[in-house]
Each structure stands twice: as C-alpha cells, then as structure tokens.
Amino acid sequence: MTTNDAMLDAWKRQLDAAMRLTEVVIEGSERMREVQLEAAAAAHADAVATQQALAKAATPEALLRIQTEWLAANQKKSMAYWKALYDAAAETHAAMAECIGASLPKNR
C-alpha cells in the first residue's frame, strides 16, 4: 500500500466516523425534542383541566385541594421529564463514545 493510499484510507475513515457521529447527535437531539414536545402537550392539557377544575371550585378547601394535587402531580411529572432528558442525553453520549471508539485505529 502506498503512502497516498494509506492517507486516503485514513481520510475516508475520519469522514465516515464524522458522519456516523453527526447521525448519532441528530438522533439524540430528535429524541430530546420528542421528550420536550410530549411534556409540553401534557403540561398544556393539565393546565386546561386545572383551569376547568378551578372554575368549578366552590370553597377554599376545594381550591386548596386542587392546588395541592396540581403541585404534587407537577413535581412527579417534572422529575419524569428531567429523567427522560437525562436518559436521552446519556444514550447519545454512549453512542458517541462507541462511534469514536470504533473509529480509532486498531493496534496491529
């Protein structure tokens, strides 16, 4: 193998690794966007339902109950949201590390 062939092969491997890494990053970004859109849609639906419940509340106790339930549910949903984002980021990071590791030259 000539020096030019070796350089061309190394260049091709680098470009291939860069393309695979770009694909992994895009897929991770899309997953994070899906998590965000799902959370936004759920938050909107919850807000509408809570507004309707508040409009129907007739006593201070009912308002307090609605507020307490809303706060507790939001805390759980918030934790689930951040966990889903963390999981998507961690999976993306692992896939990136795998791509980078696969692109390293093998010891001969």
N, C-alpha and C. Protein backbone atom coordinates (compact mmCIF):
# COMPACT_ATOMS: atom_id res chain seq x y z
N MET A 1 0.85 -1.17 0.00
CA MET A 1 0.00 0.00 0.00
C MET A 1 0.90 1.24 0.00
N THR A 2 0.60 2.16 -0.90
CA THR A 2 1.42 3.37 -0.99
C THR A 2 1.01 4.35 0.09
N THR A 3 1.84 5.35 0.28
CA THR A 3 1.55 6.39 1.27
C THR A 3 0.27 7.13 0.93
N ASN A 4 0.06 7.38 -0.36
CA ASN A 4 -1.17 8.08 -0.78
C ASN A 4 -2.40 7.24 -0.48
N ASP A 5 -2.31 5.93 -0.71
CA ASP A 5 -3.44 5.05 -0.42
C ASP A 5 -3.74 5.01 1.08
N ALA A 6 -2.69 4.95 1.87
CA ALA A 6 -2.86 4.92 3.33
C ALA A 6 -3.49 6.22 3.82
N MET A 7 -3.04 7.34 3.26
CA MET A 7 -3.61 8.64 3.64
C MET A 7 -5.07 8.74 3.21
N LEU A 8 -5.36 8.24 2.02
CA LEU A 8 -6.73 8.27 1.52
C LEU A 8 -7.64 7.40 2.39
N ASP A 9 -7.16 6.23 2.77
CA ASP A 9 -7.95 5.35 3.64
C ASP A 9 -8.18 5.99 5.01
N ALA A 10 -7.17 6.61 5.56
CA ALA A 10 -7.31 7.27 6.87
C ALA A 10 -8.31 8.42 6.77
N TRP A 11 -8.23 9.16 5.68
CA TRP A 11 -9.15 10.28 5.49
C TRP A 11 -10.59 9.79 5.38
N LYS A 12 -10.78 8.71 4.61
CA LYS A 12 -12.11 8.12 4.46
C LYS A 12 -12.66 7.66 5.81
N ARG A 13 -11.80 7.01 6.62
CA ARG A 13 -12.24 6.55 7.94
C ARG A 13 -12.65 7.74 8.82
N GLN A 14 -11.88 8.82 8.75
CA GLN A 14 -12.22 10.01 9.54
C GLN A 14 -13.54 10.61 9.10
N LEU A 15 -13.75 10.72 7.80
CA LEU A 15 -15.01 11.26 7.30
C LEU A 15 -16.19 10.36 7.65
N ASP A 16 -15.98 9.05 7.54
CA ASP A 16 -17.04 8.10 7.90
C ASP A 16 -17.37 8.23 9.39
N ALA A 17 -16.37 8.32 10.22
CA ALA A 17 -16.59 8.47 11.66
C ALA A 17 -17.32 9.78 11.95
N ALA A 18 -16.96 10.84 11.28
CA ALA A 18 -17.62 12.13 11.48
C ALA A 18 -19.08 12.07 11.06
N MET A 19 -19.37 11.37 9.98
CA MET A 19 -20.76 11.24 9.53
C MET A 19 -21.57 10.40 10.51
N ARG A 20 -20.99 9.30 11.01
CA ARG A 20 -21.70 8.48 11.99
C ARG A 20 -21.94 9.27 13.28
N LEU A 21 -20.95 10.03 13.70
CA LEU A 21 -21.09 10.85 14.90
C LEU A 21 -22.17 11.92 14.71
N THR A 22 -22.21 12.52 13.55
CA THR A 22 -23.25 13.51 13.25
C THR A 22 -24.63 12.87 13.31
N GLU A 23 -24.75 11.68 12.77
CA GLU A 23 -26.03 10.96 12.79
C GLU A 23 -26.47 10.67 14.23
N VAL A 24 -25.54 10.26 15.07
CA VAL A 24 -25.85 9.96 16.47
C VAL A 24 -26.32 11.23 17.19
N VAL A 25 -25.64 12.33 16.95
CA VAL A 25 -26.02 13.59 17.59
C VAL A 25 -27.42 14.04 17.14
N ILE A 26 -27.69 13.90 15.87
CA ILE A 26 -29.01 14.29 15.35
C ILE A 26 -30.10 13.40 15.95
N GLU A 27 -29.85 12.10 16.01
CA GLU A 27 -30.84 11.20 16.60
C GLU A 27 -31.09 11.53 18.08
N GLY A 28 -30.02 11.84 18.80
CA GLY A 28 -30.17 12.23 20.20
C GLY A 28 -30.94 13.52 20.35
N SER A 29 -30.67 14.46 19.48
CA SER A 29 -31.39 15.74 19.51
C SER A 29 -32.87 15.53 19.21
N GLU A 30 -33.16 14.66 18.26
CA GLU A 30 -34.56 14.38 17.93
C GLU A 30 -35.27 13.72 19.11
N ARG A 31 -34.60 12.83 19.80
CA ARG A 31 -35.21 12.17 20.96
C ARG A 31 -35.49 13.20 22.06
N MET A 32 -34.54 14.09 22.30
CA MET A 32 -34.75 15.12 23.32
C MET A 32 -35.91 16.04 22.92
N ARG A 33 -36.02 16.33 21.65
CA ARG A 33 -37.13 17.17 21.17
C ARG A 33 -38.46 16.45 21.38
N GLU A 34 -38.50 15.14 21.12
CA GLU A 34 -39.72 14.38 21.36
C GLU A 34 -40.14 14.44 22.82
N VAL A 35 -39.16 14.29 23.71
CA VAL A 35 -39.44 14.36 25.15
C VAL A 35 -40.03 15.74 25.49
N GLN A 36 -39.43 16.79 24.94
CA GLN A 36 -39.91 18.15 25.21
C GLN A 36 -41.32 18.37 24.67
N LEU A 37 -41.59 17.90 23.46
CA LEU A 37 -42.92 18.08 22.88
C LEU A 37 -43.98 17.31 23.66
N GLU A 38 -43.65 16.09 24.06
CA GLU A 38 -44.60 15.31 24.86
C GLU A 38 -44.89 16.01 26.18
N ALA A 39 -43.85 16.53 26.82
CA ALA A 39 -44.03 17.23 28.10
C ALA A 39 -44.85 18.50 27.91
N ALA A 40 -44.59 19.23 26.84
CA ALA A 40 -45.34 20.46 26.60
C ALA A 40 -46.81 20.18 26.34
N ALA A 41 -47.10 19.16 25.56
CA ALA A 41 -48.50 18.80 25.28
C ALA A 41 -49.21 18.37 26.56
N ALA A 42 -48.53 17.57 27.37
CA ALA A 42 -49.13 17.12 28.63
C ALA A 42 -49.33 18.29 29.59
N ALA A 43 -48.37 19.20 29.65
CA ALA A 43 -48.50 20.36 30.53
C ALA A 43 -49.67 21.24 30.11
N HIS A 44 -49.85 21.40 28.81
CA HIS A 44 -50.96 22.20 28.32
C HIS A 44 -52.29 21.55 28.69
N ALA A 45 -52.39 20.25 28.46
CA ALA A 45 -53.63 19.54 28.79
C ALA A 45 -53.92 19.63 30.29
N ASP A 46 -52.88 19.48 31.10
CA ASP A 46 -53.05 19.59 32.55
C ASP A 46 -53.49 20.99 32.96
N ALA A 47 -52.93 21.99 32.32
CA ALA A 47 -53.30 23.38 32.65
C ALA A 47 -54.76 23.64 32.33
N VAL A 48 -55.21 23.16 31.19
CA VAL A 48 -56.61 23.34 30.81
C VAL A 48 -57.53 22.64 31.81
N ALA A 49 -57.18 21.40 32.16
CA ALA A 49 -58.00 20.64 33.11
C ALA A 49 -58.02 21.32 34.48
N THR A 50 -56.87 21.85 34.89
CA THR A 50 -56.80 22.53 36.18
C THR A 50 -57.61 23.82 36.17
N GLN A 51 -57.55 24.56 35.08
CA GLN A 51 -58.36 25.78 34.97
C GLN A 51 -59.85 25.46 35.08
N GLN A 52 -60.25 24.39 34.43
CA GLN A 52 -61.67 24.00 34.49
C GLN A 52 -62.05 23.59 35.91
N ALA A 53 -61.18 22.87 36.58
CA ALA A 53 -61.47 22.46 37.95
C ALA A 53 -61.51 23.67 38.88
N LEU A 54 -60.62 24.62 38.67
CA LEU A 54 -60.62 25.83 39.49
C LEU A 54 -61.90 26.64 39.29
N ALA A 55 -62.38 26.69 38.07
CA ALA A 55 -63.60 27.44 37.79
C ALA A 55 -64.81 26.82 38.49
N LYS A 56 -64.76 25.51 38.68
CA LYS A 56 -65.88 24.82 39.33
C LYS A 56 -65.76 24.78 40.85
N ALA A 57 -64.60 25.11 41.38
CA ALA A 57 -64.40 25.04 42.84
C ALA A 57 -65.29 26.06 43.54
N ALA A 58 -65.96 25.61 44.59
CA ALA A 58 -66.91 26.47 45.28
C ALA A 58 -66.46 26.87 46.69
N THR A 59 -65.40 26.23 47.18
CA THR A 59 -64.97 26.53 48.55
C THR A 59 -63.45 26.69 48.58
N PRO A 60 -62.95 27.37 49.62
CA PRO A 60 -61.50 27.47 49.77
C PRO A 60 -60.83 26.09 49.91
N GLU A 61 -61.52 25.15 50.54
CA GLU A 61 -60.97 23.81 50.69
C GLU A 61 -60.80 23.13 49.33
N ALA A 62 -61.78 23.33 48.47
CA ALA A 62 -61.69 22.75 47.13
C ALA A 62 -60.53 23.36 46.35
N LEU A 63 -60.34 24.69 46.48
CA LEU A 63 -59.22 25.35 45.82
C LEU A 63 -57.89 24.81 46.34
N LEU A 64 -57.78 24.65 47.65
CA LEU A 64 -56.55 24.14 48.25
C LEU A 64 -56.27 22.71 47.78
N ARG A 65 -57.31 21.89 47.72
CA ARG A 65 -57.15 20.51 47.26
C ARG A 65 -56.66 20.48 45.82
N ILE A 66 -57.27 21.29 44.97
CA ILE A 66 -56.88 21.34 43.55
C ILE A 66 -55.43 21.80 43.42
N GLN A 67 -55.08 22.83 44.16
CA GLN A 67 -53.71 23.35 44.10
C GLN A 67 -52.71 22.30 44.60
N THR A 68 -53.02 21.64 45.69
CA THR A 68 -52.13 20.63 46.25
C THR A 68 -51.94 19.46 45.29
N GLU A 69 -53.03 18.99 44.71
CA GLU A 69 -52.95 17.89 43.74
C GLU A 69 -52.16 18.31 42.51
N TRP A 70 -52.38 19.54 42.07
CA TRP A 70 -51.68 20.05 40.89
C TRP A 70 -50.18 20.14 41.16
N LEU A 71 -49.81 20.67 42.32
CA LEU A 71 -48.39 20.79 42.66
C LEU A 71 -47.72 19.42 42.77
N ALA A 72 -48.38 18.47 43.43
CA ALA A 72 -47.81 17.13 43.58
C ALA A 72 -47.64 16.45 42.22
N ALA A 73 -48.64 16.57 41.38
CA ALA A 73 -48.56 15.96 40.05
C ALA A 73 -47.46 16.61 39.22
N ASN A 74 -47.34 17.93 39.33
CA ASN A 74 -46.29 18.62 38.57
C ASN A 74 -44.90 18.21 39.03
N GLN A 75 -44.74 17.99 40.32
CA GLN A 75 -43.43 17.55 40.80
C GLN A 75 -43.06 16.20 40.20
N LYS A 76 -43.99 15.27 40.22
CA LYS A 76 -43.73 13.95 39.64
C LYS A 76 -43.43 14.04 38.15
N LYS A 77 -44.24 14.83 37.45
CA LYS A 77 -44.05 14.96 36.01
C LYS A 77 -42.74 15.67 35.68
N SER A 78 -42.37 16.63 36.50
CA SER A 78 -41.11 17.33 36.30
C SER A 78 -39.92 16.37 36.46
N MET A 79 -39.97 15.56 37.48
CA MET A 79 -38.89 14.59 37.70
C MET A 79 -38.82 13.58 36.54
N ALA A 80 -39.98 13.14 36.07
CA ALA A 80 -40.01 12.21 34.94
C ALA A 80 -39.47 12.87 33.67
N TYR A 81 -39.79 14.14 33.50
CA TYR A 81 -39.30 14.89 32.33
C TYR A 81 -37.78 14.98 32.35
N TRP A 82 -37.22 15.39 33.48
CA TRP A 82 -35.77 15.54 33.57
C TRP A 82 -35.07 14.20 33.46
N LYS A 83 -35.68 13.14 33.97
CA LYS A 83 -35.09 11.81 33.84
C LYS A 83 -35.08 11.38 32.37
N ALA A 84 -36.17 11.65 31.67
CA ALA A 84 -36.23 11.29 30.25
C ALA A 84 -35.18 12.06 29.44
N LEU A 85 -35.00 13.34 29.76
CA LEU A 85 -33.95 14.12 29.08
C LEU A 85 -32.57 13.57 29.41
N TYR A 86 -32.35 13.24 30.69
CA TYR A 86 -31.07 12.68 31.10
C TYR A 86 -30.81 11.36 30.36
N ASP A 87 -31.83 10.50 30.31
CA ASP A 87 -31.67 9.21 29.63
C ASP A 87 -31.32 9.40 28.16
N ALA A 88 -32.01 10.33 27.50
CA ALA A 88 -31.72 10.59 26.09
C ALA A 88 -30.30 11.10 25.91
N ALA A 89 -29.87 12.00 26.79
CA ALA A 89 -28.51 12.53 26.71
C ALA A 89 -27.48 11.44 27.00
N ALA A 90 -27.75 10.60 28.00
CA ALA A 90 -26.81 9.53 28.34
C ALA A 90 -26.69 8.51 27.20
N GLU A 91 -27.82 8.17 26.59
CA GLU A 91 -27.79 7.24 25.46
C GLU A 91 -27.02 7.84 24.29
N THR A 92 -27.21 9.12 24.05
CA THR A 92 -26.49 9.79 22.97
C THR A 92 -25.00 9.81 23.26
N HIS A 93 -24.65 10.12 24.50
CA HIS A 93 -23.24 10.16 24.89
C HIS A 93 -22.60 8.77 24.70
N ALA A 94 -23.29 7.73 25.13
CA ALA A 94 -22.76 6.37 24.98
C ALA A 94 -22.58 6.01 23.51
N ALA A 95 -23.55 6.38 22.69
CA ALA A 95 -23.44 6.10 21.25
C ALA A 95 -22.30 6.89 20.63
N MET A 96 -22.10 8.13 21.08
CA MET A 96 -20.98 8.93 20.58
C MET A 96 -19.65 8.28 20.97
N ALA A 97 -19.54 7.84 22.21
CA ALA A 97 -18.31 7.19 22.66
C ALA A 97 -18.04 5.92 21.84
N GLU A 98 -19.11 5.19 21.54
CA GLU A 98 -18.96 3.97 20.73
C GLU A 98 -18.47 4.31 19.32
N CYS A 99 -19.02 5.36 18.74
CA CYS A 99 -18.58 5.77 17.40
C CYS A 99 -17.12 6.19 17.41
N ILE A 100 -16.76 6.96 18.41
CA ILE A 100 -15.37 7.42 18.50
C ILE A 100 -14.44 6.24 18.72
N GLY A 101 -14.83 5.32 19.61
CA GLY A 101 -14.00 4.15 19.86
C GLY A 101 -13.85 3.28 18.63
N ALA A 102 -14.93 3.15 17.87
CA ALA A 102 -14.88 2.33 16.66
C ALA A 102 -14.01 2.95 15.58
N SER A 103 -13.85 4.27 15.62
CA SER A 103 -13.07 4.93 14.58
C SER A 103 -11.57 4.96 14.88
N LEU A 104 -11.20 4.59 16.10
CA LEU A 104 -9.78 4.58 16.45
C LEU A 104 -9.07 3.47 15.73
N PRO A 105 -7.85 3.72 15.31
CA PRO A 105 -7.12 2.66 14.61
C PRO A 105 -6.84 1.50 15.57
N LYS A 106 -6.89 0.31 15.03
CA LYS A 106 -6.62 -0.90 15.80
C LYS A 106 -5.12 -1.12 15.90
N ASN A 107 -4.66 -1.56 17.05
CA ASN A 107 -3.24 -1.91 17.18
C ASN A 107 -2.96 -3.16 16.37
N ARG A 108 -1.89 -3.11 15.65
CA ARG A 108 -1.59 -4.25 14.78
C ARG A 108 -0.41 -4.99 15.29
